[in-house]
Each structure stands twice: as structure tokens, then as C-alpha cells.
Amino acid sequence: MSKDEFYLSKTEPNRSCFLALRDLILHQNTLISETRKYGMPCFCFKDKAFCYLWKDKKTDEPYILFVEGNPLEHPQLETGGRARMKILRVNPNKDLPKQMIEVLLRKALDLYRVV
């Protein structure tokens, strides 16, 4: 399955939401690349996975999963049962909270720049 097939296989409004999120992520830094891991779009910074796009099994709503989410602090980030990762749910029926997402992406990338 190609990278685009994941997005094209989704129905609206999730398709547009996922495509907008993909665009936001890829435009954060020229060193970000996209691949697929575990059937999900995976975004890597300098070949290290830093976030994924996926959807909630119950609500079908998209979310961004931050691999090194533990140090990230924001009231909308959820840990769930995860020790290391956090997710940011995105409502596909509303405008993307673009500025908030960009701030979280920059903070997540900063964790990889230090290493």
C-alpha cells in the first residue's frame, strides 16, 4: 500500500482532516519524512519516528500520536494507558486548531533536536 492509499481510503471528513494534518506535519521541517509503520502514516525526524496519524476505534476520529509524548504538556493531550506516548484528538468536523498543533509539533521536534 502506498503512502497516499491510507488517506484516499478514508471517507470525508476524515480524509480531508488526515491530509491537512499530514501537510502540517511535513511542513514543520525539511528533515521530516513520511513512511508507514503498523499500517499507520509515520513521520520521522532524522530517521526517528516522532509522530503517527491514526483514528480512534470507537469514535472514528483522527488523532496525532506523539511518540515521545510524556514530556509534552498540554491540556488536550491524552496519555490513556500509555507510558511514553500521548495523543491529540482532532475533530474532523471543525476547523483544525492549526496554531496549537504547530506548537505541539515544534515541541515534539525539539525533543529530537537535543538528542
PDB file of N, CA and C in Angstrom:
ATOM      1  N   MET A   1       0.843  -1.181   0.000  1.00  0.00           N
ATOM      2  CA  MET A   1       0.000   0.000   0.000  1.00  0.00           C
ATOM      3  C   MET A   1       0.891   1.249   0.000  1.00  0.00           C
ATOM      4  N   SER A   2       0.617   2.169  -0.886  1.00  0.00           N
ATOM      5  CA  SER A   2       1.403   3.401  -0.954  1.00  0.00           C
ATOM      6  C   SER A   2       1.013   4.335   0.189  1.00  0.00           C
ATOM      7  N   LYS A   3       1.842   5.367   0.388  1.00  0.00           N
ATOM      8  CA  LYS A   3       1.552   6.344   1.438  1.00  0.00           C
ATOM      9  C   LYS A   3       0.206   7.018   1.203  1.00  0.00           C
ATOM     10  N   ASP A   4      -0.104   7.306  -0.054  1.00  0.00           N
ATOM     11  CA  ASP A   4      -1.356   8.009  -0.369  1.00  0.00           C
ATOM     12  C   ASP A   4      -2.590   7.139  -0.177  1.00  0.00           C
ATOM     13  N   GLU A   5      -2.455   5.846  -0.315  1.00  0.00           N
ATOM     14  CA  GLU A   5      -3.618   4.953  -0.204  1.00  0.00           C
ATOM     15  C   GLU A   5      -4.288   5.046   1.156  1.00  0.00           C
ATOM     16  N   PHE A   6      -3.505   5.242   2.217  1.00  0.00           N
ATOM     17  CA  PHE A   6      -4.091   5.378   3.547  1.00  0.00           C
ATOM     18  C   PHE A   6      -5.105   6.516   3.536  1.00  0.00           C
ATOM     19  N   TYR A   7      -4.703   7.654   3.003  1.00  0.00           N
ATOM     20  CA  TYR A   7      -5.554   8.847   3.001  1.00  0.00           C
ATOM     21  C   TYR A   7      -6.738   8.681   2.055  1.00  0.00           C
ATOM     22  N   LEU A   8      -6.473   8.151   0.882  1.00  0.00           N
ATOM     23  CA  LEU A   8      -7.521   8.022  -0.127  1.00  0.00           C
ATOM     24  C   LEU A   8      -8.574   6.988   0.256  1.00  0.00           C
ATOM     25  N   SER A   9      -8.213   6.059   1.132  1.00  0.00           N
ATOM     26  CA  SER A   9      -9.163   5.027   1.558  1.00  0.00           C
ATOM     27  C   SER A   9     -10.144   5.547   2.611  1.00  0.00           C
ATOM     28  N   LYS A  10      -9.883   6.728   3.167  1.00  0.00           N
ATOM     29  CA  LYS A  10     -10.753   7.285   4.209  1.00  0.00           C
ATOM     30  C   LYS A  10     -11.914   8.044   3.580  1.00  0.00           C
ATOM     31  N   THR A  11     -13.020   8.103   4.302  1.00  0.00           N
ATOM     32  CA  THR A  11     -14.173   8.874   3.840  1.00  0.00           C
ATOM     33  C   THR A  11     -14.112  10.268   4.463  1.00  0.00           C
ATOM     34  N   GLU A  12     -14.845  11.171   3.864  1.00  0.00           N
ATOM     35  CA  GLU A  12     -14.913  12.536   4.408  1.00  0.00           C
ATOM     36  C   GLU A  12     -15.760  12.526   5.678  1.00  0.00           C
ATOM     37  N   PRO A  13     -15.466  13.341   6.651  1.00  0.00           N
ATOM     38  CA  PRO A  13     -14.480  14.416   6.656  1.00  0.00           C
ATOM     39  C   PRO A  13     -13.083  13.972   7.094  1.00  0.00           C
ATOM     40  N   ASN A  14     -12.918  12.672   7.453  1.00  0.00           N
ATOM     41  CA  ASN A  14     -11.612  12.203   7.923  1.00  0.00           C
ATOM     42  C   ASN A  14     -10.526  12.346   6.870  1.00  0.00           C
ATOM     43  N   ARG A  15     -10.858  12.083   5.615  1.00  0.00           N
ATOM     44  CA  ARG A  15      -9.842  12.174   4.551  1.00  0.00           C
ATOM     45  C   ARG A  15      -9.220  13.568   4.538  1.00  0.00           C
ATOM     46  N   SER A  16     -10.043  14.592   4.480  1.00  0.00           N
ATOM     47  CA  SER A  16      -9.531  15.967   4.438  1.00  0.00           C
ATOM     48  C   SER A  16      -8.758  16.312   5.703  1.00  0.00           C
ATOM     49  N   CYS A  17      -9.239  15.847   6.829  1.00  0.00           N
ATOM     50  CA  CYS A  17      -8.575  16.102   8.103  1.00  0.00           C
ATOM     51  C   CYS A  17      -7.188  15.462   8.124  1.00  0.00           C
ATOM     52  N   PHE A  18      -7.102  14.185   7.759  1.00  0.00           N
ATOM     53  CA  PHE A  18      -5.808  13.497   7.715  1.00  0.00           C
ATOM     54  C   PHE A  18      -4.852  14.168   6.740  1.00  0.00           C
ATOM     55  N   LEU A  19      -5.348  14.564   5.572  1.00  0.00           N
ATOM     56  CA  LEU A  19      -4.490  15.219   4.582  1.00  0.00           C
ATOM     57  C   LEU A  19      -3.986  16.565   5.094  1.00  0.00           C
ATOM     58  N   ALA A  20      -4.837  17.312   5.786  1.00  0.00           N
ATOM     59  CA  ALA A  20      -4.416  18.597   6.357  1.00  0.00           C
ATOM     60  C   ALA A  20      -3.371  18.384   7.458  1.00  0.00           C
ATOM     61  N   LEU A  21      -3.571  17.376   8.295  1.00  0.00           N
ATOM     62  CA  LEU A  21      -2.598  17.062   9.346  1.00  0.00           C
ATOM     63  C   LEU A  21      -1.264  16.650   8.745  1.00  0.00           C
ATOM     64  N   ARG A  22      -1.316  15.831   7.718  1.00  0.00           N
ATOM     65  CA  ARG A  22      -0.099  15.394   7.023  1.00  0.00           C
ATOM     66  C   ARG A  22       0.669  16.610   6.516  1.00  0.00           C
ATOM     67  N   ASP A  23      -0.036  17.522   5.891  1.00  0.00           N
ATOM     68  CA  ASP A  23       0.579  18.721   5.350  1.00  0.00           C
ATOM     69  C   ASP A  23       1.217  19.567   6.461  1.00  0.00           C
ATOM     70  N   LEU A  24       0.499  19.738   7.565  1.00  0.00           N
ATOM     71  CA  LEU A  24       1.044  20.492   8.703  1.00  0.00           C
ATOM     72  C   LEU A  24       2.333  19.862   9.221  1.00  0.00           C
ATOM     73  N   ILE A  25       2.321  18.556   9.373  1.00  0.00           N
ATOM     74  CA  ILE A  25       3.491  17.846   9.910  1.00  0.00           C
ATOM     75  C   ILE A  25       4.681  17.976   8.967  1.00  0.00           C
ATOM     76  N   LEU A  26       4.458  17.692   7.687  1.00  0.00           N
ATOM     77  CA  LEU A  26       5.567  17.706   6.724  1.00  0.00           C
ATOM     78  C   LEU A  26       6.167  19.095   6.537  1.00  0.00           C
ATOM     79  N   HIS A  27       5.388  20.137   6.788  1.00  0.00           N
ATOM     80  CA  HIS A  27       5.899  21.490   6.591  1.00  0.00           C
ATOM     81  C   HIS A  27       6.601  22.069   7.823  1.00  0.00           C
ATOM     82  N   GLN A  28       6.746  21.277   8.864  1.00  0.00           N
ATOM     83  CA  GLN A  28       7.433  21.761  10.064  1.00  0.00           C
ATOM     84  C   GLN A  28       8.944  21.812   9.900  1.00  0.00           C
ATOM     85  N   ASN A  29       9.473  20.904   9.086  1.00  0.00           N
ATOM     86  CA  ASN A  29      10.929  20.825   8.940  1.00  0.00           C
ATOM     87  C   ASN A  29      11.248  20.009   7.687  1.00  0.00           C
ATOM     88  N   THR A  30      12.275  20.405   6.969  1.00  0.00           N
ATOM     89  CA  THR A  30      12.650  19.686   5.733  1.00  0.00           C
ATOM     90  C   THR A  30      13.234  18.307   6.030  1.00  0.00           C
ATOM     91  N   LEU A  31      13.614  18.043   7.261  1.00  0.00           N
ATOM     92  CA  LEU A  31      14.186  16.739   7.623  1.00  0.00           C
ATOM     93  C   LEU A  31      13.123  15.717   8.022  1.00  0.00           C
ATOM     94  N   ILE A  32      11.849  16.104   7.932  1.00  0.00           N
ATOM     95  CA  ILE A  32      10.758  15.174   8.258  1.00  0.00           C
ATOM     96  C   ILE A  32      10.423  14.361   7.017  1.00  0.00           C
ATOM     97  N   SER A  33      10.337  13.063   7.207  1.00  0.00           N
ATOM     98  CA  SER A  33       9.948  12.159   6.112  1.00  0.00           C
ATOM     99  C   SER A  33       8.739  11.350   6.560  1.00  0.00           C
ATOM    100  N   GLU A  34       8.017  10.842   5.581  1.00  0.00           N
ATOM    101  CA  GLU A  34       6.820  10.044   5.871  1.00  0.00           C
ATOM    102  C   GLU A  34       7.037   8.618   5.407  1.00  0.00           C
ATOM    103  N   THR A  35       6.621   7.694   6.241  1.00  0.00           N
ATOM    104  CA  THR A  35       6.668   6.280   5.900  1.00  0.00           C
ATOM    105  C   THR A  35       5.412   5.638   6.493  1.00  0.00           C
ATOM    106  N   ARG A  36       5.349   4.325   6.451  1.00  0.00           N
ATOM    107  CA  ARG A  36       4.232   3.608   7.080  1.00  0.00           C
ATOM    108  C   ARG A  36       4.790   2.589   8.046  1.00  0.00           C
ATOM    109  N   LYS A  37       4.247   2.593   9.246  1.00  0.00           N
ATOM    110  CA  LYS A  37       4.612   1.594  10.251  1.00  0.00           C
ATOM    111  C   LYS A  37       3.328   1.156  10.924  1.00  0.00           C
ATOM    112  N   TYR A  38       3.190  -0.134  11.130  1.00  0.00           N
ATOM    113  CA  TYR A  38       1.999  -0.690  11.783  1.00  0.00           C
ATOM    114  C   TYR A  38       0.723  -0.306  11.043  1.00  0.00           C
ATOM    115  N   GLY A  39       0.828  -0.064   9.737  1.00  0.00           N
ATOM    116  CA  GLY A  39      -0.327   0.301   8.928  1.00  0.00           C
ATOM    117  C   GLY A  39      -0.737   1.760   9.038  1.00  0.00           C
ATOM    118  N   MET A  40       0.039   2.535   9.779  1.00  0.00           N
ATOM    119  CA  MET A  40      -0.270   3.953  10.000  1.00  0.00           C
ATOM    120  C   MET A  40       0.761   4.831   9.321  1.00  0.00           C
ATOM    121  N   PRO A  41       0.361   6.047   8.916  1.00  0.00           N
ATOM    122  CA  PRO A  41       1.354   7.012   8.464  1.00  0.00           C
ATOM    123  C   PRO A  41       2.261   7.367   9.644  1.00  0.00           C
ATOM    124  N   CYS A  42       3.547   7.249   9.427  1.00  0.00           N
ATOM    125  CA  CYS A  42       4.542   7.520  10.458  1.00  0.00           C
ATOM    126  C   CYS A  42       5.448   8.633   9.944  1.00  0.00           C
ATOM    127  N   PHE A  43       5.690   9.619  10.790  1.00  0.00           N
ATOM    128  CA  PHE A  43       6.535  10.742  10.410  1.00  0.00           C
ATOM    129  C   PHE A  43       7.812  10.688  11.227  1.00  0.00           C
ATOM    130  N   CYS A  44       8.932  10.735  10.515  1.00  0.00           N
ATOM    131  CA  CYS A  44      10.241  10.601  11.141  1.00  0.00           C
ATOM    132  C   CYS A  44      11.024  11.894  11.016  1.00  0.00           C
ATOM    133  N   PHE A  45      11.789  12.181  12.036  1.00  0.00           N
ATOM    134  CA  PHE A  45      12.723  13.302  12.011  1.00  0.00           C
ATOM    135  C   PHE A  45      14.107  12.696  12.116  1.00  0.00           C
ATOM    136  N   LYS A  46      14.922  12.909  11.091  1.00  0.00           N
ATOM    137  CA  LYS A  46      16.260  12.300  11.028  1.00  0.00           C
ATOM    138  C   LYS A  46      16.162  10.795  11.263  1.00  0.00           C
ATOM    139  N   ASP A  47      15.229  10.153  10.594  1.00  0.00           N
ATOM    140  CA  ASP A  47      15.024   8.699  10.628  1.00  0.00           C
ATOM    141  C   ASP A  47      14.519   8.146  11.957  1.00  0.00           C
ATOM    142  N   LYS A  48      14.092   9.002  12.880  1.00  0.00           N
ATOM    143  CA  LYS A  48      13.496   8.537  14.137  1.00  0.00           C
ATOM    144  C   LYS A  48      12.027   8.919  14.147  1.00  0.00           C
ATOM    145  N   ALA A  49      11.164   7.939  14.395  1.00  0.00           N
ATOM    146  CA  ALA A  49       9.720   8.189  14.419  1.00  0.00           C
ATOM    147  C   ALA A  49       9.393   9.181  15.527  1.00  0.00           C
ATOM    148  N   PHE A  50       8.664  10.254  15.171  1.00  0.00           N
ATOM    149  CA  PHE A  50       8.274  11.195  16.215  1.00  0.00           C
ATOM    150  C   PHE A  50       6.755  11.336  16.331  1.00  0.00           C
ATOM    151  N   CYS A  51       6.003  11.014  15.262  1.00  0.00           N
ATOM    152  CA  CYS A  51       4.550  11.010  15.418  1.00  0.00           C
ATOM    153  C   CYS A  51       3.890  10.132  14.357  1.00  0.00           C
ATOM    154  N   TYR A  52       2.658   9.744  14.647  1.00  0.00           N
ATOM    155  CA  TYR A  52       1.844   8.915  13.762  1.00  0.00           C
ATOM    156  C   TYR A  52       0.482   9.575  13.602  1.00  0.00           C
ATOM    157  N   LEU A  53      -0.209   9.222  12.536  1.00  0.00           N
ATOM    158  CA  LEU A  53      -1.610   9.593  12.378  1.00  0.00           C
ATOM    159  C   LEU A  53      -2.435   8.322  12.457  1.00  0.00           C
ATOM    160  N   TRP A  54      -3.522   8.375  13.218  1.00  0.00           N
ATOM    161  CA  TRP A  54      -4.397   7.214  13.331  1.00  0.00           C
ATOM    162  C   TRP A  54      -5.777   7.693  13.719  1.00  0.00           C
ATOM    163  N   LYS A  55      -6.715   6.754  13.886  1.00  0.00           N
ATOM    164  CA  LYS A  55      -8.074   7.127  14.266  1.00  0.00           C
ATOM    165  C   LYS A  55      -8.541   6.268  15.433  1.00  0.00           C
ATOM    166  N   ASP A  56      -9.392   6.849  16.247  1.00  0.00           N
ATOM    167  CA  ASP A  56      -9.936   6.175  17.405  1.00  0.00           C
ATOM    168  C   ASP A  56     -10.881   5.064  16.952  1.00  0.00           C
ATOM    169  N   LYS A  57     -10.736   3.896  17.533  1.00  0.00           N
ATOM    170  CA  LYS A  57     -11.572   2.753  17.138  1.00  0.00           C
ATOM    171  C   LYS A  57     -13.051   2.970  17.441  1.00  0.00           C
ATOM    172  N   LYS A  58     -13.349   3.662  18.532  1.00  0.00           N
ATOM    173  CA  LYS A  58     -14.745   3.856  18.931  1.00  0.00           C
ATOM    174  C   LYS A  58     -15.397   5.051  18.239  1.00  0.00           C
ATOM    175  N   THR A  59     -14.701   6.181  18.206  1.00  0.00           N
ATOM    176  CA  THR A  59     -15.296   7.403  17.654  1.00  0.00           C
ATOM    177  C   THR A  59     -14.980   7.604  16.179  1.00  0.00           C
ATOM    178  N   ASP A  60     -13.967   6.913  15.669  1.00  0.00           N
ATOM    179  CA  ASP A  60     -13.505   7.033  14.284  1.00  0.00           C
ATOM    180  C   ASP A  60     -12.838   8.388  14.010  1.00  0.00           C
ATOM    181  N   GLU A  61     -12.578   9.173  15.060  1.00  0.00           N
ATOM    182  CA  GLU A  61     -11.956  10.477  14.882  1.00  0.00           C
ATOM    183  C   GLU A  61     -10.434  10.367  14.801  1.00  0.00           C
ATOM    184  N   PRO A  62      -9.835  11.173  13.932  1.00  0.00           N
ATOM    185  CA  PRO A  62      -8.376  11.170  13.784  1.00  0.00           C
ATOM    186  C   PRO A  62      -7.665  11.674  15.037  1.00  0.00           C
ATOM    187  N   TYR A  63      -6.422  11.242  15.180  1.00  0.00           N
ATOM    188  CA  TYR A  63      -5.571  11.816  16.217  1.00  0.00           C
ATOM    189  C   TYR A  63      -4.113  11.739  15.783  1.00  0.00           C
ATOM    190  N   ILE A  64      -3.318  12.593  16.414  1.00  0.00           N
ATOM    191  CA  ILE A  64      -1.864  12.564  16.241  1.00  0.00           C
ATOM    192  C   ILE A  64      -1.306  11.876  17.470  1.00  0.00           C
ATOM    193  N   LEU A  65      -0.481  10.874  17.273  1.00  0.00           N
ATOM    194  CA  LEU A  65       0.180  10.190  18.375  1.00  0.00           C
ATOM    195  C   LEU A  65       1.621  10.674  18.413  1.00  0.00           C
ATOM    196  N   PHE A  66       2.015  11.269  19.521  1.00  0.00           N
ATOM    197  CA  PHE A  66       3.385  11.738  19.708  1.00  0.00           C
ATOM    198  C   PHE A  66       4.175  10.642  20.409  1.00  0.00           C
ATOM    199  N   VAL A  67       5.224  10.145  19.754  1.00  0.00           N
ATOM    200  CA  VAL A  67       5.997   9.019  20.288  1.00  0.00           C
ATOM    201  C   VAL A  67       6.618   9.380  21.631  1.00  0.00           C
ATOM    202  N   GLU A  68       7.301  10.498  21.703  1.00  0.00           N
ATOM    203  CA  GLU A  68       7.905  10.947  22.968  1.00  0.00           C
ATOM    204  C   GLU A  68       6.974  11.973  23.606  1.00  0.00           C
ATOM    205  N   GLY A  69       5.751  11.569  23.845  1.00  0.00           N
ATOM    206  CA  GLY A  69       4.745  12.492  24.343  1.00  0.00           C
ATOM    207  C   GLY A  69       4.837  12.793  25.826  1.00  0.00           C
ATOM    208  N   ASN A  70       5.467  11.927  26.587  1.00  0.00           N
ATOM    209  CA  ASN A  70       5.495  12.085  28.043  1.00  0.00           C
ATOM    210  C   ASN A  70       5.950  13.471  28.496  1.00  0.00           C
ATOM    211  N   PRO A  71       7.034  14.037  27.934  1.00  0.00           N
ATOM    212  CA  PRO A  71       7.457  15.374  28.388  1.00  0.00           C
ATOM    213  C   PRO A  71       6.560  16.514  27.879  1.00  0.00           C
ATOM    214  N   LEU A  72       5.705  16.244  26.899  1.00  0.00           N
ATOM    215  CA  LEU A  72       4.848  17.287  26.341  1.00  0.00           C
ATOM    216  C   LEU A  72       3.689  17.582  27.282  1.00  0.00           C
ATOM    217  N   GLU A  73       3.470  18.864  27.537  1.00  0.00           N
ATOM    218  CA  GLU A  73       2.385  19.273  28.430  1.00  0.00           C
ATOM    219  C   GLU A  73       1.397  20.139  27.666  1.00  0.00           C
ATOM    220  N   HIS A  74       0.173  19.699  27.634  1.00  0.00           N
ATOM    221  CA  HIS A  74      -0.915  20.477  27.051  1.00  0.00           C
ATOM    222  C   HIS A  74      -2.215  19.857  27.542  1.00  0.00           C
ATOM    223  N   PRO A  75      -3.203  20.682  27.889  1.00  0.00           N
ATOM    224  CA  PRO A  75      -4.447  20.130  28.441  1.00  0.00           C
ATOM    225  C   PRO A  75      -5.206  19.195  27.501  1.00  0.00           C
ATOM    226  N   GLN A  76      -4.983  19.301  26.192  1.00  0.00           N
ATOM    227  CA  GLN A  76      -5.706  18.432  25.263  1.00  0.00           C
ATOM    228  C   GLN A  76      -4.954  17.147  24.913  1.00  0.00           C
ATOM    229  N   LEU A  77      -3.745  17.003  25.406  1.00  0.00           N
ATOM    230  CA  LEU A  77      -3.006  15.756  25.184  1.00  0.00           C
ATOM    231  C   LEU A  77      -3.491  14.697  26.162  1.00  0.00           C
ATOM    232  N   GLU A  78      -3.665  13.481  25.653  1.00  0.00           N
ATOM    233  CA  GLU A  78      -4.140  12.369  26.479  1.00  0.00           C
ATOM    234  C   GLU A  78      -3.085  11.278  26.544  1.00  0.00           C
ATOM    235  N   THR A  79      -2.931  10.725  27.745  1.00  0.00           N
ATOM    236  CA  THR A  79      -1.998   9.624  27.933  1.00  0.00           C
ATOM    237  C   THR A  79      -2.696   8.284  27.753  1.00  0.00           C
ATOM    238  N   GLY A  80      -3.917   8.186  28.239  1.00  0.00           N
ATOM    239  CA  GLY A  80      -4.615   6.909  28.197  1.00  0.00           C
ATOM    240  C   GLY A  80      -3.824   5.903  29.007  1.00  0.00           C
ATOM    241  N   GLY A  81      -3.648   4.704  28.489  1.00  0.00           N
ATOM    242  CA  GLY A  81      -2.876   3.681  29.180  1.00  0.00           C
ATOM    243  C   GLY A  81      -1.427   3.648  28.747  1.00  0.00           C
ATOM    244  N   ARG A  82      -0.981   4.688  28.079  1.00  0.00           N
ATOM    245  CA  ARG A  82       0.376   4.710  27.533  1.00  0.00           C
ATOM    246  C   ARG A  82       1.357   5.301  28.543  1.00  0.00           C
ATOM    247  N   ALA A  83       2.542   4.738  28.589  1.00  0.00           N
ATOM    248  CA  ALA A  83       3.571   5.257  29.497  1.00  0.00           C
ATOM    249  C   ALA A  83       4.408   6.332  28.815  1.00  0.00           C
ATOM    250  N   ARG A  84       4.638   6.204  27.524  1.00  0.00           N
ATOM    251  CA  ARG A  84       5.579   7.066  26.813  1.00  0.00           C
ATOM    252  C   ARG A  84       4.898   8.027  25.844  1.00  0.00           C
ATOM    253  N   MET A  85       3.826   7.603  25.238  1.00  0.00           N
ATOM    254  CA  MET A  85       3.195   8.353  24.163  1.00  0.00           C
ATOM    255  C   MET A  85       1.965   9.117  24.644  1.00  0.00           C
ATOM    256  N   LYS A  86       1.627  10.168  23.897  1.00  0.00           N
ATOM    257  CA  LYS A  86       0.397  10.917  24.151  1.00  0.00           C
ATOM    258  C   LYS A  86      -0.280  11.167  22.811  1.00  0.00           C
ATOM    259  N   ILE A  87      -1.595  11.353  22.866  1.00  0.00           N
ATOM    260  CA  ILE A  87      -2.335  11.619  21.634  1.00  0.00           C
ATOM    261  C   ILE A  87      -3.060  12.963  21.729  1.00  0.00           C
ATOM    262  N   LEU A  88      -3.273  13.532  20.543  1.00  0.00           N
ATOM    263  CA  LEU A  88      -4.074  14.740  20.408  1.00  0.00           C
ATOM    264  C   LEU A  88      -5.221  14.407  19.470  1.00  0.00           C
ATOM    265  N   ARG A  89      -6.421  14.358  20.022  1.00  0.00           N
ATOM    266  CA  ARG A  89      -7.609  14.081  19.208  1.00  0.00           C
ATOM    267  C   ARG A  89      -7.939  15.305  18.365  1.00  0.00           C
ATOM    268  N   VAL A  90      -8.416  15.051  17.150  1.00  0.00           N
ATOM    269  CA  VAL A  90      -8.774  16.133  16.241  1.00  0.00           C
ATOM    270  C   VAL A  90     -10.188  15.880  15.728  1.00  0.00           C
ATOM    271  N   ASN A  91     -11.045  16.872  15.893  1.00  0.00           N
ATOM    272  CA  ASN A  91     -12.420  16.751  15.411  1.00  0.00           C
ATOM    273  C   ASN A  91     -12.437  17.085  13.920  1.00  0.00           C
ATOM    274  N   PRO A  92     -12.751  16.108  13.059  1.00  0.00           N
ATOM    275  CA  PRO A  92     -12.716  16.349  11.617  1.00  0.00           C
ATOM    276  C   PRO A  92     -13.847  17.243  11.116  1.00  0.00           C
ATOM    277  N   ASN A  93     -14.815  17.525  11.980  1.00  0.00           N
ATOM    278  CA  ASN A  93     -15.946  18.373  11.594  1.00  0.00           C
ATOM    279  C   ASN A  93     -15.752  19.841  11.967  1.00  0.00           C
ATOM    280  N   LYS A  94     -14.603  20.163  12.530  1.00  0.00           N
ATOM    281  CA  LYS A  94     -14.298  21.538  12.922  1.00  0.00           C
ATOM    282  C   LYS A  94     -13.001  21.976  12.248  1.00  0.00           C
ATOM    283  N   ASP A  95     -12.771  23.277  12.219  1.00  0.00           N
ATOM    284  CA  ASP A  95     -11.500  23.781  11.707  1.00  0.00           C
ATOM    285  C   ASP A  95     -10.373  23.243  12.573  1.00  0.00           C
ATOM    286  N   LEU A  96      -9.253  22.899  11.938  1.00  0.00           N
ATOM    287  CA  LEU A  96      -8.100  22.414  12.696  1.00  0.00           C
ATOM    288  C   LEU A  96      -7.567  23.510  13.607  1.00  0.00           C
ATOM    289  N   PRO A  97      -7.219  23.156  14.838  1.00  0.00           N
ATOM    290  CA  PRO A  97      -6.555  24.136  15.705  1.00  0.00           C
ATOM    291  C   PRO A  97      -5.076  24.233  15.281  1.00  0.00           C
ATOM    292  N   LYS A  98      -4.872  24.832  14.113  1.00  0.00           N
ATOM    293  CA  LYS A  98      -3.563  24.822  13.447  1.00  0.00           C
ATOM    294  C   LYS A  98      -2.429  25.333  14.337  1.00  0.00           C
ATOM    295  N   GLN A  99      -2.620  26.466  14.981  1.00  0.00           N
ATOM    296  CA  GLN A  99      -1.542  27.029  15.804  1.00  0.00           C
ATOM    297  C   GLN A  99      -1.170  26.099  16.947  1.00  0.00           C
ATOM    298  N   MET A 100      -2.158  25.531  17.615  1.00  0.00           N
ATOM    299  CA  MET A 100      -1.884  24.622  18.721  1.00  0.00           C
ATOM    300  C   MET A 100      -1.127  23.388  18.220  1.00  0.00           C
ATOM    301  N   ILE A 101      -1.564  22.838  17.102  1.00  0.00           N
ATOM    302  CA  ILE A 101      -0.906  21.658  16.547  1.00  0.00           C
ATOM    303  C   ILE A 101       0.538  21.980  16.177  1.00  0.00           C
ATOM    304  N   GLU A 102       0.760  23.130  15.569  1.00  0.00           N
ATOM    305  CA  GLU A 102       2.126  23.517  15.190  1.00  0.00           C
ATOM    306  C   GLU A 102       3.019  23.691  16.415  1.00  0.00           C
ATOM    307  N   VAL A 103       2.481  24.273  17.480  1.00  0.00           N
ATOM    308  CA  VAL A 103       3.262  24.433  18.717  1.00  0.00           C
ATOM    309  C   VAL A 103       3.641  23.061  19.267  1.00  0.00           C
ATOM    310  N   LEU A 104       2.687  22.136  19.322  1.00  0.00           N
ATOM    311  CA  LEU A 104       2.971  20.784  19.829  1.00  0.00           C
ATOM    312  C   LEU A 104       3.975  20.057  18.942  1.00  0.00           C
ATOM    313  N   LEU A 105       3.846  20.202  17.632  1.00  0.00           N
ATOM    314  CA  LEU A 105       4.807  19.566  16.719  1.00  0.00           C
ATOM    315  C   LEU A 105       6.210  20.128  16.942  1.00  0.00           C
ATOM    316  N   ARG A 106       6.323  21.438  17.105  1.00  0.00           N
ATOM    317  CA  ARG A 106       7.645  22.042  17.351  1.00  0.00           C
ATOM    318  C   ARG A 106       8.233  21.545  18.667  1.00  0.00           C
ATOM    319  N   LYS A 107       7.391  21.460  19.701  1.00  0.00           N
ATOM    320  CA  LYS A 107       7.869  20.962  20.999  1.00  0.00           C
ATOM    321  C   LYS A 107       8.318  19.504  20.884  1.00  0.00           C
ATOM    322  N   ALA A 108       7.563  18.705  20.132  1.00  0.00           N
ATOM    323  CA  ALA A 108       7.938  17.298  19.934  1.00  0.00           C
ATOM    324  C   ALA A 108       9.247  17.205  19.167  1.00  0.00           C
ATOM    325  N   LEU A 109       9.407  18.017  18.140  1.00  0.00           N
ATOM    326  CA  LEU A 109      10.654  18.011  17.362  1.00  0.00           C
ATOM    327  C   LEU A 109      11.834  18.474  18.200  1.00  0.00           C
ATOM    328  N   ASP A 110      11.607  19.428  19.095  1.00  0.00           N
ATOM    329  CA  ASP A 110      12.695  19.911  19.955  1.00  0.00           C
ATOM    330  C   ASP A 110      13.278  18.782  20.804  1.00  0.00           C
ATOM    331  N   LEU A 111      12.460  17.824  21.183  1.00  0.00           N
ATOM    332  CA  LEU A 111      12.957  16.678  21.969  1.00  0.00           C
ATOM    333  C   LEU A 111      13.949  15.847  21.154  1.00  0.00           C
ATOM    334  N   TYR A 112      13.807  15.834  19.852  1.00  0.00           N
ATOM    335  CA  TYR A 112      14.692  15.062  18.977  1.00  0.00           C
ATOM    336  C   TYR A 112      15.916  15.859  18.570  1.00  0.00           C
ATOM    337  N   ARG A 113      15.783  17.166  18.553  1.00  0.00           N
ATOM    338  CA  ARG A 113      16.930  18.019  18.180  1.00  0.00           C
ATOM    339  C   ARG A 113      18.006  17.987  19.245  1.00  0.00           C
ATOM    340  N   VAL A 114      17.615  17.793  20.490  1.00  0.00           N
ATOM    341  CA  VAL A 114      18.562  17.795  21.604  1.00  0.00           C
ATOM    342  C   VAL A 114      19.393  16.518  21.626  1.00  0.00           C
ATOM    343  N   VAL A 115      18.797  15.427  21.171  1.00  0.00           N
ATOM    344  CA  VAL A 115      19.453  14.116  21.231  1.00  0.00           C
ATOM    345  C   VAL A 115      20.629  14.065  20.291  1.00  0.00           C
TER     346      VAL A 115
END
